[in-house]
C-alpha atoms as a PDB file:
ATOM      1  CA  MET A   1     -19.332  20.695   0.359  1.00  0.00           C
ATOM      2  CA  ARG A   2     -18.211  22.359   3.866  1.00  0.00           C
ATOM      3  CA  ALA A   3     -15.953  25.137   4.072  1.00  0.00           C
ATOM      4  CA  TYR A   4     -13.618  22.160   6.165  1.00  0.00           C
ATOM      5  CA  ASP A   5     -13.739  19.784   3.292  1.00  0.00           C
ATOM      6  CA  VAL A   6     -12.783  22.655   0.917  1.00  0.00           C
ATOM      7  CA  GLU A   7      -9.526  23.945   2.988  1.00  0.00           C
ATOM      8  CA  ARG A   8      -8.804  20.202   3.189  1.00  0.00           C
ATOM      9  CA  GLU A   9      -8.726  19.487  -0.766  1.00  0.00           C
ATOM     10  CA  ASN A  10      -7.188  23.235  -0.956  1.00  0.00           C
ATOM     11  CA  GLU A  11      -4.049  22.092   0.664  1.00  0.00           C
ATOM     12  CA  LYS A  12      -1.097  21.270  -0.984  1.00  0.00           C
ATOM     13  CA  ILE A  13       2.375  20.646   0.272  1.00  0.00           C
ATOM     14  CA  SER A  14       5.889  20.012  -1.110  1.00  0.00           C
ATOM     15  CA  LEU A  15       8.659  18.133   0.501  1.00  0.00           C
ATOM     16  CA  ARG A  16      12.438  18.097   0.106  1.00  0.00           C
ATOM     17  CA  VAL A  17      14.916  15.987   2.410  1.00  0.00           C
ATOM     18  CA  MET A  18      18.541  16.992   2.534  1.00  0.00           C
ATOM     19  CA  LEU A  19      20.750  14.462   4.482  1.00  0.00           C
ATOM     20  CA  THR A  20      23.066  15.381   7.194  1.00  0.00           C
ATOM     21  CA  GLN A  21      25.362  14.200   9.795  1.00  0.00           C
ATOM     22  CA  GLY A  22      26.763  11.323   7.057  1.00  0.00           C
ATOM     23  CA  GLY A  23      22.977  10.453   6.258  1.00  0.00           C
ATOM     24  CA  THR A  24      22.123   9.739   9.854  1.00  0.00           C
ATOM     25  CA  GLY A  25      20.327  13.113  10.145  1.00  0.00           C
ATOM     26  CA  PHE A  26      18.040  15.243   7.924  1.00  0.00           C
ATOM     27  CA  THR A  27      16.575  18.583   7.080  1.00  0.00           C
ATOM     28  CA  LEU A  28      12.990  18.410   5.442  1.00  0.00           C
ATOM     29  CA  PHE A  29      12.077  21.622   3.672  1.00  0.00           C
ATOM     30  CA  ILE A  30       8.247  22.001   3.609  1.00  0.00           C
ATOM     31  CA  ASN A  31       6.674  24.351   1.102  1.00  0.00           C
ATOM     32  CA  ASN A  32       3.238  25.464   1.628  1.00  0.00           C
ATOM     33  CA  GLU A  33       1.762  25.639  -1.759  1.00  0.00           C
ATOM     34  CA  SER A  34      -1.805  26.479  -1.003  1.00  0.00           C
ATOM     35  CA  PRO A  35      -3.783  29.405   0.150  1.00  0.00           C
ATOM     36  CA  GLU A  36      -4.459  28.097   3.527  1.00  0.00           C
ATOM     37  CA  THR A  37      -3.011  27.976   6.764  1.00  0.00           C
ATOM     38  CA  ILE A  38      -1.569  24.662   7.232  1.00  0.00           C
ATOM     39  CA  GLU A  39      -1.097  22.817  11.015  1.00  0.00           C
ATOM     40  CA  LEU A  40       1.598  20.100  10.911  1.00  0.00           C
ATOM     41  CA  ILE A  41       1.152  17.455  13.529  1.00  0.00           C
ATOM     42  CA  ARG A  42       3.343  14.694  13.137  1.00  0.00           C
ATOM     43  CA  LEU A  43       6.337  13.372  10.982  1.00  0.00           C
ATOM     44  CA  TRP A  44       6.197   9.700  10.192  1.00  0.00           C
ATOM     45  CA  ILE A  45      10.030   8.301   9.157  1.00  0.00           C
ATOM     46  CA  ILE A  46       9.492   4.199   7.887  1.00  0.00           C
ATOM     47  CA  ASP A  47      12.450   2.413   7.620  1.00  0.00           C
ATOM     48  CA  ILE A  48      11.766   0.328   4.286  1.00  0.00           C
ATOM     49  CA  THR A  49      15.295  -1.919   4.549  1.00  0.00           C
ATOM     50  CA  ASN A  50      14.327  -3.040   8.436  1.00  0.00           C
ATOM     51  CA  ASN A  51      10.404  -2.728   8.362  1.00  0.00           C
ATOM     52  CA  PHE A  52      10.202   0.068  11.337  1.00  0.00           C
ATOM     53  CA  HIS A  53       8.356   2.919  11.487  1.00  0.00           C
ATOM     54  CA  TYR A  54       8.925   6.259  14.045  1.00  0.00           C
ATOM     55  CA  ASN A  55       6.771   8.906  14.333  1.00  0.00           C
ATOM     56  CA  TYR A  56       7.274  12.257  15.863  1.00  0.00           C
ATOM     57  CA  SER A  57       5.101  15.682  17.339  1.00  0.00           C
ATOM     58  CA  ILE A  58       6.322  18.453  15.589  1.00  0.00           C
ATOM     59  CA  PRO A  59       7.945  21.260  17.507  1.00  0.00           C
ATOM     60  CA  GLU A  60       5.367  23.763  18.384  1.00  0.00           C
ATOM     61  CA  GLU A  61       7.316  26.643  16.847  1.00  0.00           C
ATOM     62  CA  LYS A  62       7.351  24.725  13.312  1.00  0.00           C
ATOM     63  CA  LYS A  63       3.441  23.593  13.829  1.00  0.00           C
ATOM     64  CA  VAL A  64       1.926  26.597  11.977  1.00  0.00           C
ATOM     65  CA  LEU A  65       2.776  26.980   8.199  1.00  0.00           C
ATOM     66  CA  ASN A  66       1.441  30.122   6.141  1.00  0.00           C
ATOM     67  CA  PRO A  67      -0.229  30.186   3.134  1.00  0.00           C
ATOM     68  CA  TRP A  68       3.057  30.333   0.179  1.00  0.00           C
ATOM     69  CA  SER A  69       5.453  29.953   2.900  1.00  0.00           C
ATOM     70  CA  GLU A  70       8.277  27.694   3.063  1.00  0.00           C
ATOM     71  CA  THR A  71       9.807  26.578   6.462  1.00  0.00           C
ATOM     72  CA  PHE A  72      12.277  23.648   7.332  1.00  0.00           C
ATOM     73  CA  LEU A  73      12.316  21.063  10.104  1.00  0.00           C
ATOM     74  CA  SER A  74      16.040  19.348  11.636  1.00  0.00           C
ATOM     75  CA  SER A  75      16.323  16.084  13.151  1.00  0.00           C
ATOM     76  CA  PHE A  76      17.957  18.045  15.937  1.00  0.00           C
ATOM     77  CA  GLU A  77      14.385  19.419  16.532  1.00  0.00           C
ATOM     78  CA  LEU A  78      12.587  16.162  16.710  1.00  0.00           C
ATOM     79  CA  LYS A  79      12.767  15.179  20.694  1.00  0.00           C
ATOM     80  CA  GLY A  80      13.370  11.352  21.080  1.00  0.00           C
ATOM     81  CA  PHE A  81      15.096  11.022  17.397  1.00  0.00           C
ATOM     82  CA  ILE A  82      16.410   7.928  16.250  1.00  0.00           C
ATOM     83  CA  GLY A  83      18.934   8.561  14.008  1.00  0.00           C
ATOM     84  CA  LEU A  84      18.953   7.409  10.202  1.00  0.00           C
ATOM     85  CA  THR A  85      20.865   4.222   9.506  1.00  0.00           C
ATOM     86  CA  ARG A  86      23.405   4.431   6.294  1.00  0.00           C
ATOM     87  CA  ARG A  87      22.513   2.909   3.611  1.00  0.00           C
ATOM     88  CA  ASN A  88      18.962   2.071   4.535  1.00  0.00           C
ATOM     89  CA  TYR A  89      15.947   2.754   2.511  1.00  0.00           C
ATOM     90  CA  TYR A  90      13.214   5.445   3.763  1.00  0.00           C
ATOM     91  CA  VAL A  91      10.120   7.044   3.218  1.00  0.00           C
ATOM     92  CA  MET A  92       8.936  10.417   5.334  1.00  0.00           C
ATOM     93  CA  ARG A  93       5.170  11.023   5.732  1.00  0.00           C
ATOM     94  CA  LEU A  94       3.696  14.604   7.282  1.00  0.00           C
ATOM     95  CA  VAL A  95       0.327  14.714   8.571  1.00  0.00           C
ATOM     96  CA  THR A  96      -1.628  18.064   8.841  1.00  0.00           C
ATOM     97  CA  SER A  97      -4.422  18.727  11.068  1.00  0.00           C
ATOM     98  CA  ARG A  98      -7.190  18.266   8.557  1.00  0.00           C
ATOM     99  CA  GLY A  99      -5.838  14.416   7.841  1.00  0.00           C
ATOM    100  CA  ASN A 100      -3.869  14.919   4.533  1.00  0.00           C
ATOM    101  CA  ILE A 101      -0.502  13.095   4.452  1.00  0.00           C
ATOM    102  CA  VAL A 102       2.288  14.045   2.150  1.00  0.00           C
ATOM    103  CA  GLU A 103       5.015  11.310   1.359  1.00  0.00           C
ATOM    104  CA  THR A 104       8.757  11.917   0.089  1.00  0.00           C
ATOM    105  CA  PRO A 105       9.522   9.530  -2.850  1.00  0.00           C
ATOM    106  CA  PRO A 106      11.780   6.626  -1.139  1.00  0.00           C
ATOM    107  CA  PHE A 107      14.935   7.971  -0.875  1.00  0.00           C
ATOM    108  CA  ILE A 108      18.837   5.987   0.259  1.00  0.00           C
ATOM    109  CA  ALA A 109      20.227   7.375   3.612  1.00  0.00           C
ATOM    110  CA  VAL A 110      23.639   8.844   2.187  1.00  0.00           C
ATOM    111  CA  PRO A 111      24.824  12.472   2.920  1.00  0.00           C
ATOM    112  CA  GLY A 112      23.447  15.288   0.425  1.00  0.00           C
ATOM    113  CA  PRO A 113      20.489  15.958  -1.423  1.00  0.00           C
ATOM    114  CA  VAL A 114      17.481  13.652  -2.080  1.00  0.00           C
ATOM    115  CA  THR A 115      16.231  12.605  -5.345  1.00  0.00           C
ATOM    116  CA  GLU A 116      13.977   9.627  -6.247  1.00  0.00           C
ATOM    117  CA  PRO A 117      16.820   6.985  -7.558  1.00  0.00           C
ATOM    118  CA  PRO A 118      16.142   6.539 -11.184  1.00  0.00           C
ATOM    119  CA  TRP A 119      16.951   3.099 -10.919  1.00  0.00           C
ATOM    120  CA  LEU A 120      13.758   2.506  -8.339  1.00  0.00           C
ATOM    121  CA  SER A 121      10.789   1.303  -9.395  1.00  0.00           C
ATOM    122  CA  LEU A 122       7.324   2.199  -8.260  1.00  0.00           C
ATOM    123  CA  GLY A 123       5.416  -0.865  -9.611  1.00  0.00           C
ATOM    124  CA  TYR A 124       5.457  -3.023  -6.501  1.00  0.00           C
ATOM    125  CA  ILE A 125       3.707   0.074  -4.858  1.00  0.00           C
ATOM    126  CA  GLU A 126       0.735  -0.808  -6.771  1.00  0.00           C
ATOM    127  CA  ALA A 127       0.161  -4.522  -5.256  1.00  0.00           C
ATOM    128  CA  CYS A 128      -2.341  -5.752  -2.477  1.00  0.00           C
ATOM    129  CA  PHE A 129      -3.421  -8.689  -0.863  1.00  0.00           C
ATOM    130  CA  ASN A 130      -5.869 -10.358  -2.578  1.00  0.00           C
ATOM    131  CA  LYS A 131      -9.257 -11.472  -0.506  1.00  0.00           C
ATOM    132  CA  ALA A 132     -10.941 -13.498  -2.960  1.00  0.00           C
ATOM    133  CA  GLU A 133      -9.632 -14.623  -6.338  1.00  0.00           C
ATOM    134  CA  THR A 134      -7.435 -17.623  -5.102  1.00  0.00           C
ATOM    135  CA  PRO A 135      -8.280 -20.074  -2.323  1.00  0.00           C
ATOM    136  CA  VAL A 136      -5.839 -18.397   0.131  1.00  0.00           C
ATOM    137  CA  TYR A 137      -7.409 -14.919   1.185  1.00  0.00           C
ATOM    138  CA  ASP A 138      -5.607 -14.076   3.598  1.00  0.00           C
ATOM    139  CA  LEU A 139      -2.427 -15.282   5.662  1.00  0.00           C
ATOM    140  CA  SER A 140      -2.616 -19.293   5.655  1.00  0.00           C
ATOM    141  CA  ASP A 141      -0.663 -22.086   6.836  1.00  0.00           C
ATOM    142  CA  SER A 142      -1.643 -23.755   3.323  1.00  0.00           C
ATOM    143  CA  HIS A 143      -1.953 -22.412  -0.063  1.00  0.00           C
ATOM    144  CA  LEU A 144      -4.674 -24.533  -1.218  1.00  0.00           C
ATOM    145  CA  LYS A 145      -6.850 -23.370   2.146  1.00  0.00           C
ATOM    146  CA  THR A 146      -8.008 -20.657   4.014  1.00  0.00           C
ATOM    147  CA  THR A 147      -6.449 -22.421   7.164  1.00  0.00           C
ATOM    148  CA  PRO A 148      -5.776 -19.333   9.625  1.00  0.00           C
ATOM    149  CA  TYR A 149      -2.211 -19.411   9.935  1.00  0.00           C
ATOM    150  CA  LYS A 150      -0.779 -21.838  13.158  1.00  0.00           C
ATOM    151  CA  GLY A 151       2.762 -22.140  12.433  1.00  0.00           C
ATOM    152  CA  GLY A 152       4.816 -23.734   9.999  1.00  0.00           C
ATOM    153  CA  LYS A 153       5.466 -22.356   6.072  1.00  0.00           C
ATOM    154  CA  ALA A 154       3.252 -19.278   5.515  1.00  0.00           C
ATOM    155  CA  TYR A 155       1.064 -18.662   2.345  1.00  0.00           C
ATOM    156  CA  ILE A 156      -0.392 -15.021   1.348  1.00  0.00           C
ATOM    157  CA  SER A 157      -2.344 -14.304  -1.945  1.00  0.00           C
ATOM    158  CA  PHE A 158      -0.821 -11.405  -3.912  1.00  0.00           C
ATOM    159  CA  LYS A 159      -2.441  -8.947  -6.258  1.00  0.00           C
ATOM    160  CA  ASN A 160      -0.383  -6.901  -8.936  1.00  0.00           C
ATOM    161  CA  ILE A 161      -2.582  -3.914  -9.550  1.00  0.00           C
ATOM    162  CA  GLY A 162      -0.476  -2.153 -11.079  1.00  0.00           C
ATOM    163  CA  SER A 163       0.488  -1.289 -14.828  1.00  0.00           C
ATOM    164  CA  VAL A 164       4.233  -2.915 -14.763  1.00  0.00           C
ATOM    165  CA  THR A 165       5.246  -6.558 -14.727  1.00  0.00           C
ATOM    166  CA  VAL A 166       7.250  -7.544 -11.379  1.00  0.00           C
ATOM    167  CA  PHE A 167       9.571 -10.439 -10.362  1.00  0.00           C
ATOM    168  CA  LEU A 168       9.670 -10.954  -6.510  1.00  0.00           C
ATOM    169  CA  THR A 169      13.597 -12.437  -5.738  1.00  0.00           C
ATOM    170  CA  TYR A 170      14.440 -15.208  -2.681  1.00  0.00           C
ATOM    171  CA  GLU A 171      15.487 -11.855  -0.600  1.00  0.00           C
ATOM    172  CA  SER A 172      11.468 -11.185  -0.119  1.00  0.00           C
ATOM    173  CA  THR A 173      10.203 -11.806   3.301  1.00  0.00           C
ATOM    174  CA  ILE A 174       7.457 -12.448   5.595  1.00  0.00           C
ATOM    175  CA  VAL A 175       8.044 -10.865   8.594  1.00  0.00           C
ATOM    176  CA  PHE A 176       6.272 -10.952  12.505  1.00  0.00           C
ATOM    177  CA  ARG A 177       6.705  -8.719  14.705  1.00  0.00           C
ATOM    178  CA  SER A 178       5.539  -9.177  18.349  1.00  0.00           C
ATOM    179  CA  ILE A 179       2.937  -6.985  19.728  1.00  0.00           C
ATOM    180  CA  GLY A 180       3.143  -6.312  23.789  1.00  0.00           C
ATOM    181  CA  GLY A 181       6.424  -6.828  25.994  1.00  0.00           C
ATOM    182  CA  LEU A 182       9.554  -4.955  27.006  1.00  0.00           C
ATOM    183  CA  GLU A 183      11.216  -5.940  23.745  1.00  0.00           C
ATOM    184  CA  PRO A 184       9.628  -6.724  20.771  1.00  0.00           C
ATOM    185  CA  LYS A 185      10.816 -10.017  18.668  1.00  0.00           C
ATOM    186  CA  CYS A 186      10.793 -10.381  14.918  1.00  0.00           C
ATOM    187  CA  TYR A 187      10.750 -13.655  13.192  1.00  0.00           C
ATOM    188  CA  ALA A 188      11.001 -14.034   9.277  1.00  0.00           C
ATOM    189  CA  GLY A 189      10.871 -16.473   6.466  1.00  0.00           C
ATOM    190  CA  TYR A 190      12.381 -16.375   2.970  1.00  0.00           C
ATOM    191  CA  LEU A 191       9.891 -16.651  -0.189  1.00  0.00           C
ATOM    192  CA  VAL A 192      10.637 -19.991  -1.600  1.00  0.00           C
ATOM    193  CA  GLU A 193       7.698 -20.955  -3.654  1.00  0.00           C
ATOM    194  CA  TRP A 194       4.618 -19.511  -5.745  1.00  0.00           C
ATOM    195  CA  TYR A 195       1.516 -21.137  -7.280  1.00  0.00           C
ATOM    196  CA  CYS A 196      -1.156 -20.127  -9.856  1.00  0.00           C
ATOM    197  CA  TYR A 197      -4.703 -21.282  -9.221  1.00  0.00           C
ATOM    198  CA  VAL A 198      -8.017 -21.325 -11.117  1.00  0.00           C
ATOM    199  CA  TRP A 199     -11.312 -21.569 -10.307  1.00  0.00           C
ATOM    200  CA  ASP A 200     -13.054 -24.755 -11.995  1.00  0.00           C
ATOM    201  CA  PRO A 201     -17.010 -24.163 -11.941  1.00  0.00           C
ATOM    202  CA  LYS A 202     -17.691 -27.317 -13.315  1.00  0.00           C
ATOM    203  CA  VAL A 203     -16.128 -28.913  -9.969  1.00  0.00           C
ATOM    204  CA  GLU A 204     -16.426 -26.303  -7.863  1.00  0.00           C
ATOM    205  CA  LYS A 205     -12.761 -26.561  -6.720  1.00  0.00           C
ATOM    206  CA  TRP A 206      -9.554 -24.084  -7.259  1.00  0.00           C
ATOM    207  CA  MET A 207      -7.267 -25.842  -9.855  1.00  0.00           C
ATOM    208  CA  LEU A 208      -3.516 -25.753  -9.514  1.00  0.00           C
ATOM    209  CA  LYS A 209      -2.334 -24.150 -12.819  1.00  0.00           C
ATOM    210  CA  ASP A 210       1.254 -23.267 -12.390  1.00  0.00           C
ATOM    211  CA  SER A 211       3.703 -23.621  -9.766  1.00  0.00           C
ATOM    212  CA  GLY A 212       7.497 -23.122  -9.130  1.00  0.00           C
ATOM    213  CA  THR A 213      10.067 -22.761  -6.319  1.00  0.00           C
ATOM    214  CA  ILE A 214      12.369 -19.607  -5.702  1.00  0.00           C
ATOM    215  CA  THR A 215      15.857 -19.653  -4.927  1.00  0.00           C
ATOM    216  CA  HIS A 216      19.410 -17.451  -5.020  1.00  0.00           C
ATOM    217  CA  VAL A 217      19.490 -18.076  -8.251  1.00  0.00           C
ATOM    218  CA  LYS A 218      15.744 -18.419  -9.545  1.00  0.00           C
ATOM    219  CA  ASP A 219      13.100 -15.868  -8.814  1.00  0.00           C
ATOM    220  CA  SER A 220       9.798 -15.758  -9.227  1.00  0.00           C
ATOM    221  CA  LYS A 221       7.270 -15.790 -12.694  1.00  0.00           C
ATOM    222  CA  ALA A 222       6.530 -13.111 -14.266  1.00  0.00           C
ATOM    223  CA  ILE A 223       3.436 -11.252 -12.052  1.00  0.00           C
ATOM    224  CA  TYR A 224       1.652  -9.529 -15.014  1.00  0.00           C
ATOM    225  CA  PRO A 225      -0.877  -6.187 -14.610  1.00  0.00           C
ATOM    226  CA  GLY A 226      -3.819  -7.821 -12.429  1.00  0.00           C
ATOM    227  CA  GLU A 227      -2.727 -11.687 -12.045  1.00  0.00           C
ATOM    228  CA  VAL A 228      -2.730 -12.965  -8.944  1.00  0.00           C
ATOM    229  CA  VAL A 229      -0.474 -15.711  -7.330  1.00  0.00           C
ATOM    230  CA  ILE A 230      -0.041 -17.288  -3.787  1.00  0.00           C
ATOM    231  CA  LEU A 231       3.388 -16.910  -2.403  1.00  0.00           C
ATOM    232  CA  GLY A 232       4.669 -19.217   0.016  1.00  0.00           C
ATOM    233  CA  PHE A 233       7.561 -18.615   3.020  1.00  0.00           C
ATOM    234  CA  GLU A 234       9.778 -21.004   4.964  1.00  0.00           C
ATOM    235  CA  GLU A 235       8.766 -21.198   8.487  1.00  0.00           C
ATOM    236  CA  PRO A 236       9.682 -17.716  10.153  1.00  0.00           C
ATOM    237  CA  SER A 237      12.732 -18.014  12.371  1.00  0.00           C
ATOM    238  CA  GLU A 238      14.743 -15.331  14.590  1.00  0.00           C
ATOM    239  CA  ILE A 239      17.022 -15.369  11.484  1.00  0.00           C
ATOM    240  CA  PRO A 240      15.736 -16.244   8.314  1.00  0.00           C
ATOM    241  CA  GLY A 241      17.095 -19.816   7.326  1.00  0.00           C
ATOM    242  CA  SER A 242      18.453 -20.621  10.875  1.00  0.00           C
ATOM    243  CA  GLY A 243      17.863 -19.738  14.400  1.00  0.00           C
ATOM    244  CA  ALA A 244      14.578 -20.222  16.852  1.00  0.00           C
ATOM    245  CA  GLY A 245      11.397 -20.264  15.282  1.00  0.00           C
ATOM    246  CA  ILE A 246       8.605 -18.265  15.944  1.00  0.00           C
ATOM    247  CA  ARG A 247       6.869 -18.633  19.479  1.00  0.00           C
ATOM    248  CA  GLU A 248       3.138 -18.218  20.590  1.00  0.00           C
ATOM    249  CA  GLY A 249       2.033 -15.361  20.792  1.00  0.00           C
ATOM    250  CA  THR A 250       0.314 -11.605  18.975  1.00  0.00           C
ATOM    251  CA  TYR A 251       1.955 -10.535  15.764  1.00  0.00           C
ATOM    252  CA  ASP A 252       1.853  -7.748  13.414  1.00  0.00           C
ATOM    253  CA  VAL A 253       2.778  -9.130  10.183  1.00  0.00           C
ATOM    254  CA  PHE A 254       4.390  -7.530   6.869  1.00  0.00           C
ATOM    255  CA  PHE A 255       5.364  -8.569   3.575  1.00  0.00           C
ATOM    256  CA  ALA A 256       8.591  -7.190   3.016  1.00  0.00           C
ATOM    257  CA  ALA A 257       9.554  -7.542  -0.769  1.00  0.00           C
ATOM    258  CA  SER A 258      12.330  -7.180  -2.810  1.00  0.00           C
ATOM    259  CA  GLY A 259      12.198  -7.677  -6.886  1.00  0.00           C
ATOM    260  CA  TYR A 260      12.372  -5.950 -10.086  1.00  0.00           C
ATOM    261  CA  ASP A 261      10.159  -4.621 -12.795  1.00  0.00           C
ATOM    262  CA  GLU A 262      10.077  -5.473 -16.621  1.00  0.00           C
ATOM    263  CA  PHE A 263      12.074  -2.386 -17.035  1.00  0.00           C
ATOM    264  CA  GLY A 264      14.938  -4.061 -14.635  1.00  0.00           C
ATOM    265  CA  LYS A 265      14.454  -1.501 -12.171  1.00  0.00           C
ATOM    266  CA  ILE A 266      14.598  -2.961  -8.548  1.00  0.00           C
ATOM    267  CA  PHE A 267      12.135  -2.169  -5.639  1.00  0.00           C
ATOM    268  CA  PHE A 268      12.513  -2.518  -1.473  1.00  0.00           C
ATOM    269  CA  ALA A 269       8.978  -2.179   0.087  1.00  0.00           C
ATOM    270  CA  SER A 270       6.781  -3.138   2.815  1.00  0.00           C
ATOM    271  CA  ILE A 271       3.327  -3.976   3.034  1.00  0.00           C
ATOM    272  CA  TYR A 272       1.179  -4.456   6.121  1.00  0.00           C
ATOM    273  CA  ILE A 273      -0.684  -7.733   6.013  1.00  0.00           C
ATOM    274  CA  GLY A 274      -2.284  -7.673   9.366  1.00  0.00           C
ATOM    275  CA  THR A 275      -2.473  -8.974  13.081  1.00  0.00           C
ATOM    276  CA  CYS A 276      -1.807 -12.840  13.508  1.00  0.00           C
ATOM    277  CA  GLU A 277      -2.342 -15.059  16.876  1.00  0.00           C
ATOM    278  CA  ILE A 278       0.106 -17.551  16.928  1.00  0.00           C
ATOM    279  CA  PRO A 279      -1.293 -20.395  19.500  1.00  0.00           C
END
């Protein structure tokens, strides 16, 4: 193993967040728990609630972190810092010059020390978009075909790769965020249905096993560990459920999930699906 790889593997950083200014600012305490000198490159702040992310350069005087030492980074020191939105959920990611990424647990923007909320489930984080086990390999406009998305209802294939059973609620949305232009536009659609298919080798077709709707008062089926479901969303619009429909253009597409696990712990999270071209 090369010296660089050894140094990269040796890097170990712990993070602790203190929120200030009524929850809109922060102080990030950074502890080097390794024998390596670590160079800090960028700080990413992910707004889970609104599905946005911001990244900032580390000030020169805070870039180098000596072995077994601690420093802190204040939001006042970040050039162009956009304040946190009170009561939104966030994650912070710190990137080092050796390519390591350290992440805080999800937290809510309220004043005081940040700890991982005991009611927050990490079950959803262990999920992915399925590529082979249902007729919908990626983003589609049909729950039974691999038709590329061109508008209308949207469907994705979702796999629970964790060890916890999860349930999704109506507040889960698919989000299209335009790429390019002076002011990015966002369109979203609520989660309204789910489907389970099985492959029948006798007829060489996907056969519908079960399906259901999702409403304000009715959640998804239990999605068990290892299970795959197709999720259907209403047609995206400027305001979910109403407003102007999605226009032609190129979009980054995200799944913003809201739900809870088998223990009753809730989650708010988002996963990037990919880029989509609307003709």
